[in-house]
Amino acid sequence: MIKRPSPNFNQRPAGSTVDMLVLHYTGMPSAEDALARLCDPVAEVSAHYVIDEDGSTYLLVIEEHRAWHAGVAAWQGNTNINDRSIGIELVNPGHEFGYRSFSDVQMTTLVSLAGEIISRHSIAARNVVGHSDVAPTRKQDPGELFDWARLADQGVGLWPESDTAENLSTDFGAALEQYGYDIADLAAATTAFQRHFRPAICDGVADAETLNILQDLLNQSGH
């Protein structure tokens, strides 16, 4: 673990509990560019950890403090996402600078670190999310090339067990909101859901496969 303290943090509000893990990509040309920005007080953005493509891990903000990574965001009706979450940035150029798959060693490092964080804070699997899940109208990261299935197989987050469950008997938007998404822009929320759980087609259309995947996830999470 390489310590590279960022000045961009504050104290968590009294009584707040960490119950979310939010994953991002850096979306900048290089790791140094990303680290410089995350440690720049003018930028007013930070994360708790950064994982480089070679697996090197940087600690920028200790978990007891509130990092500034989620921005305007919502999950399960809560909008104070920075108050209640740990943020991990994965070095990747992102869609703007040449989006590519995440390296094997980067993912292996993430599985280990995320598993430790989840254990420390008793984070529910459904609350391991991407930036696009909590900010669907603004963000795409970590994107459709991120291997959520690998993480879930290692006990980090959820992944659908089937895409052939019975169709939802309730309204898709209401069910998506029940799972956690802000549905103020339903098409954007649907696209974010697909980007996470059905990355082959991210068109914002709630087709039968999307419906079935959502039903499966609701079943897994006790709904």
Protein backbone atom coordinates (compact mmCIF):
# COMPACT_ATOMS: atom_id res chain seq x y z
CA MET A 1 0.00 0.00 0.00
CA ILE A 2 1.45 3.34 -1.09
CA LYS A 3 0.33 6.32 0.99
CA ARG A 4 -0.30 9.42 -1.06
CA PRO A 5 -2.54 11.59 1.11
CA SER A 6 -5.11 13.78 -0.55
CA PRO A 7 -6.26 17.01 1.14
CA ASN A 8 -9.73 16.52 -0.31
CA PHE A 9 -11.70 14.96 2.53
CA ASN A 10 -13.65 15.85 5.62
CA GLN A 11 -15.04 14.15 8.69
CA ARG A 12 -18.00 11.84 8.27
CA PRO A 13 -21.12 13.23 9.93
CA ALA A 14 -21.69 12.04 13.47
CA GLY A 15 -23.68 8.83 13.50
CA SER A 16 -23.11 8.01 9.83
CA THR A 17 -22.42 4.39 8.91
CA VAL A 18 -20.45 3.11 5.94
CA ASP A 19 -22.72 0.71 4.06
CA MET A 20 -21.67 1.16 0.41
CA LEU A 21 -18.66 0.52 -1.80
CA VAL A 22 -18.54 2.60 -4.99
CA LEU A 23 -16.20 1.61 -7.84
CA HIS A 24 -14.93 4.09 -10.44
CA TYR A 25 -12.46 4.34 -13.27
CA THR A 26 -10.10 7.31 -13.27
CA GLY A 27 -10.96 8.35 -16.84
CA MET A 28 -7.64 10.12 -17.39
CA PRO A 29 -4.70 9.42 -19.74
CA SER A 30 -2.38 8.04 -17.02
CA ALA A 31 -2.20 7.02 -13.38
CA GLU A 32 -0.03 10.03 -12.57
CA ASP A 33 -2.56 12.37 -14.13
CA ALA A 34 -5.30 10.79 -12.03
CA LEU A 35 -3.31 10.84 -8.79
CA ALA A 36 -2.34 14.45 -9.35
CA ARG A 37 -5.97 15.46 -9.80
CA LEU A 38 -7.20 13.43 -6.85
CA CYS A 39 -4.61 15.12 -4.64
CA ASP A 40 -5.17 18.64 -6.03
CA PRO A 41 -7.10 20.80 -3.55
CA VAL A 42 -8.39 22.93 -6.43
CA ALA A 43 -10.05 19.90 -8.06
CA GLU A 44 -12.03 19.07 -4.90
CA VAL A 45 -12.27 15.39 -5.79
CA SER A 46 -10.75 12.34 -4.12
CA ALA A 47 -11.21 8.66 -3.36
CA HIS A 48 -10.09 6.41 -0.56
CA TYR A 49 -8.03 4.13 -2.82
CA VAL A 50 -6.58 4.05 -6.32
CA ILE A 51 -5.53 0.76 -7.96
CA ASP A 52 -3.11 1.08 -10.87
CA GLU A 53 -3.09 -1.30 -13.84
CA ASP A 54 -0.01 -3.08 -12.42
CA GLY A 55 -1.84 -3.73 -9.14
CA SER A 56 -0.13 -0.97 -7.15
CA THR A 57 -2.54 0.41 -4.56
CA TYR A 58 -2.55 3.99 -3.28
CA LEU A 59 -4.22 5.11 -0.05
CA LEU A 60 -5.41 8.70 -0.47
CA VAL A 61 -8.03 9.06 2.25
CA ILE A 62 -8.38 6.83 5.30
CA GLU A 63 -11.68 4.99 5.57
CA GLU A 64 -12.71 6.86 8.70
CA HIS A 65 -12.87 10.05 6.62
CA ARG A 66 -15.30 11.11 3.92
CA ALA A 67 -13.74 11.21 0.44
CA TRP A 68 -15.27 13.25 -2.37
CA HIS A 69 -15.81 10.65 -5.08
CA ALA A 70 -19.53 10.18 -5.77
CA GLY A 71 -20.69 13.75 -6.33
CA VAL A 72 -24.38 14.25 -7.04
CA ALA A 73 -25.64 10.71 -6.59
CA ALA A 74 -28.38 8.57 -5.06
CA TRP A 75 -28.96 4.96 -4.03
CA GLN A 76 -31.95 3.40 -2.29
CA GLY A 77 -33.42 6.85 -1.78
CA ASN A 78 -30.30 8.25 -0.11
CA THR A 79 -28.43 11.18 -1.64
CA ASN A 80 -25.60 11.49 0.89
CA ILE A 81 -23.50 8.82 -0.86
CA ASN A 82 -20.10 10.23 0.14
CA ASP A 83 -21.19 10.17 3.78
CA ARG A 84 -21.92 6.45 3.69
CA SER A 85 -19.43 4.96 1.22
CA ILE A 86 -15.87 3.94 0.45
CA GLY A 87 -14.64 4.90 -3.02
CA ILE A 88 -12.10 2.96 -5.11
CA GLU A 89 -10.71 4.37 -8.36
CA LEU A 90 -9.32 1.94 -10.94
CA VAL A 91 -6.76 3.38 -13.32
CA ASN A 92 -8.25 3.22 -16.81
CA PRO A 93 -8.37 5.91 -19.53
CA GLY A 94 -12.13 5.57 -19.70
CA HIS A 95 -14.41 6.26 -22.63
CA GLU A 96 -12.84 9.64 -23.35
CA PHE A 97 -9.20 8.56 -23.60
CA GLY A 98 -9.24 5.00 -24.96
CA TYR A 99 -11.35 2.74 -22.76
CA ARG A 100 -9.89 -0.73 -22.38
CA SER A 101 -10.34 -3.87 -20.32
CA PHE A 102 -9.09 -3.88 -16.76
CA SER A 103 -5.92 -5.89 -16.21
CA ASP A 104 -5.95 -9.24 -14.46
CA VAL A 105 -3.63 -8.10 -11.67
CA GLN A 106 -5.71 -4.95 -11.19
CA MET A 107 -8.86 -7.04 -10.77
CA THR A 108 -7.13 -9.50 -8.46
CA THR A 109 -5.97 -6.62 -6.27
CA LEU A 110 -9.46 -5.14 -6.30
CA VAL A 111 -11.07 -8.42 -5.21
CA SER A 112 -8.74 -8.59 -2.22
CA LEU A 113 -9.11 -4.95 -1.18
CA ALA A 114 -12.88 -4.87 -1.73
CA GLY A 115 -13.30 -8.08 0.26
CA GLU A 116 -11.47 -6.53 3.20
CA ILE A 117 -13.57 -3.36 3.03
CA ILE A 118 -16.84 -5.31 2.82
CA SER A 119 -15.81 -7.38 5.83
CA ARG A 120 -14.79 -4.35 7.90
CA HIS A 121 -18.02 -2.49 7.27
CA SER A 122 -20.50 -5.36 6.76
CA ILE A 123 -21.52 -4.00 3.35
CA ALA A 124 -24.41 -5.83 1.69
CA ALA A 125 -23.73 -7.32 -1.74
CA ARG A 126 -26.39 -5.11 -3.36
CA ASN A 127 -24.53 -2.04 -2.12
CA VAL A 128 -21.37 -2.78 -4.10
CA VAL A 129 -22.03 -0.47 -7.03
CA GLY A 130 -20.46 1.47 -9.86
CA HIS A 131 -20.38 5.23 -10.19
CA SER A 132 -22.87 4.93 -13.06
CA ASP A 133 -25.30 3.05 -10.79
CA VAL A 134 -25.52 5.96 -8.35
CA ALA A 135 -25.22 8.74 -10.96
CA PRO A 136 -26.82 7.27 -14.10
CA THR A 137 -27.40 10.59 -15.88
CA ARG A 138 -23.79 11.74 -15.40
CA LYS A 139 -21.45 8.77 -15.34
CA GLN A 140 -20.53 5.61 -17.27
CA ASP A 141 -17.79 4.19 -15.06
CA PRO A 142 -16.50 1.65 -14.45
CA GLY A 143 -18.23 0.75 -17.71
CA GLU A 144 -19.28 -2.21 -19.79
CA LEU A 145 -15.78 -3.79 -19.86
CA PHE A 146 -15.62 -4.08 -16.09
CA ASP A 147 -15.87 -7.70 -14.92
CA TRP A 148 -18.61 -7.56 -12.31
CA ALA A 149 -19.18 -11.31 -12.70
CA ARG A 150 -15.63 -12.06 -11.57
CA LEU A 151 -16.08 -9.92 -8.48
CA ALA A 152 -19.37 -11.56 -7.56
CA ASP A 153 -17.83 -15.01 -8.02
CA GLN A 154 -15.29 -13.98 -5.37
CA GLY A 155 -17.94 -12.70 -2.97
CA VAL A 156 -17.88 -9.03 -3.99
CA GLY A 157 -21.30 -7.76 -5.09
CA LEU A 158 -24.18 -9.48 -6.86
CA TRP A 159 -24.44 -11.05 -10.29
CA PRO A 160 -27.53 -12.60 -11.91
CA GLU A 161 -27.73 -16.34 -11.60
CA SER A 162 -30.22 -16.59 -14.45
CA ASP A 163 -31.71 -14.44 -17.21
CA THR A 164 -34.73 -16.70 -17.65
CA ALA A 165 -36.70 -16.00 -14.48
CA GLU A 166 -40.37 -15.16 -14.79
CA ASN A 167 -41.01 -11.61 -15.93
CA LEU A 168 -41.65 -9.00 -13.30
CA SER A 169 -45.26 -8.87 -12.22
CA THR A 170 -44.84 -5.24 -11.14
CA ASP A 171 -43.81 -2.08 -12.98
CA PHE A 172 -40.19 -2.22 -14.18
CA GLY A 173 -39.41 1.32 -13.00
CA ALA A 174 -40.80 0.65 -9.55
CA ALA A 175 -38.78 -2.56 -9.31
CA LEU A 176 -35.61 -0.81 -10.47
CA GLU A 177 -36.18 1.82 -7.80
CA GLN A 178 -36.76 -0.91 -5.24
CA TYR A 179 -33.39 -2.39 -6.13
CA GLY A 180 -31.72 0.97 -5.51
CA TYR A 181 -31.65 3.12 -8.64
CA ASP A 182 -32.83 6.71 -8.92
CA ILE A 183 -35.40 6.49 -11.73
CA ALA A 184 -35.97 10.21 -12.29
CA ASP A 185 -34.56 9.50 -15.78
CA LEU A 186 -35.76 5.93 -16.31
CA ALA A 187 -33.91 5.40 -19.60
CA ALA A 188 -30.61 6.48 -18.01
CA ALA A 189 -31.22 4.27 -14.97
CA THR A 190 -32.05 1.31 -17.23
CA THR A 191 -28.88 1.87 -19.24
CA ALA A 192 -26.82 1.99 -16.05
CA PHE A 193 -28.44 -1.23 -14.85
CA GLN A 194 -27.64 -2.91 -18.16
CA ARG A 195 -24.09 -1.57 -18.16
CA HIS A 196 -23.60 -3.31 -14.82
CA PHE A 197 -25.60 -6.50 -15.24
CA ARG A 198 -26.12 -6.99 -19.02
CA PRO A 199 -23.19 -5.18 -20.67
CA ALA A 200 -23.61 -6.77 -24.10
CA ILE A 201 -26.55 -4.44 -24.85
CA CYS A 202 -26.85 -1.11 -23.04
CA ASP A 203 -29.68 0.58 -24.89
CA GLY A 204 -31.95 1.73 -22.07
CA VAL A 205 -34.77 -0.55 -23.24
CA ALA A 206 -36.34 -2.78 -20.59
CA ASP A 207 -36.53 -5.90 -22.76
CA ALA A 208 -37.39 -9.36 -21.48
CA GLU A 209 -33.81 -10.25 -20.61
CA THR A 210 -33.36 -7.04 -18.61
CA LEU A 211 -36.62 -7.69 -16.78
CA ASN A 212 -35.62 -11.24 -15.93
CA ILE A 213 -32.18 -10.19 -14.68
CA LEU A 214 -33.73 -7.59 -12.41
CA GLN A 215 -36.17 -10.15 -11.02
CA ASP A 216 -33.31 -12.54 -10.34
CA LEU A 217 -31.34 -9.86 -8.47
CA LEU A 218 -34.37 -8.83 -6.43
CA ASN A 219 -34.89 -12.47 -5.51
CA GLN A 220 -31.24 -12.80 -4.45
CA SER A 221 -31.46 -9.69 -2.28
CA GLY A 222 -34.61 -10.85 -0.51
CA HIS A 223 -37.30 -8.93 -2.40
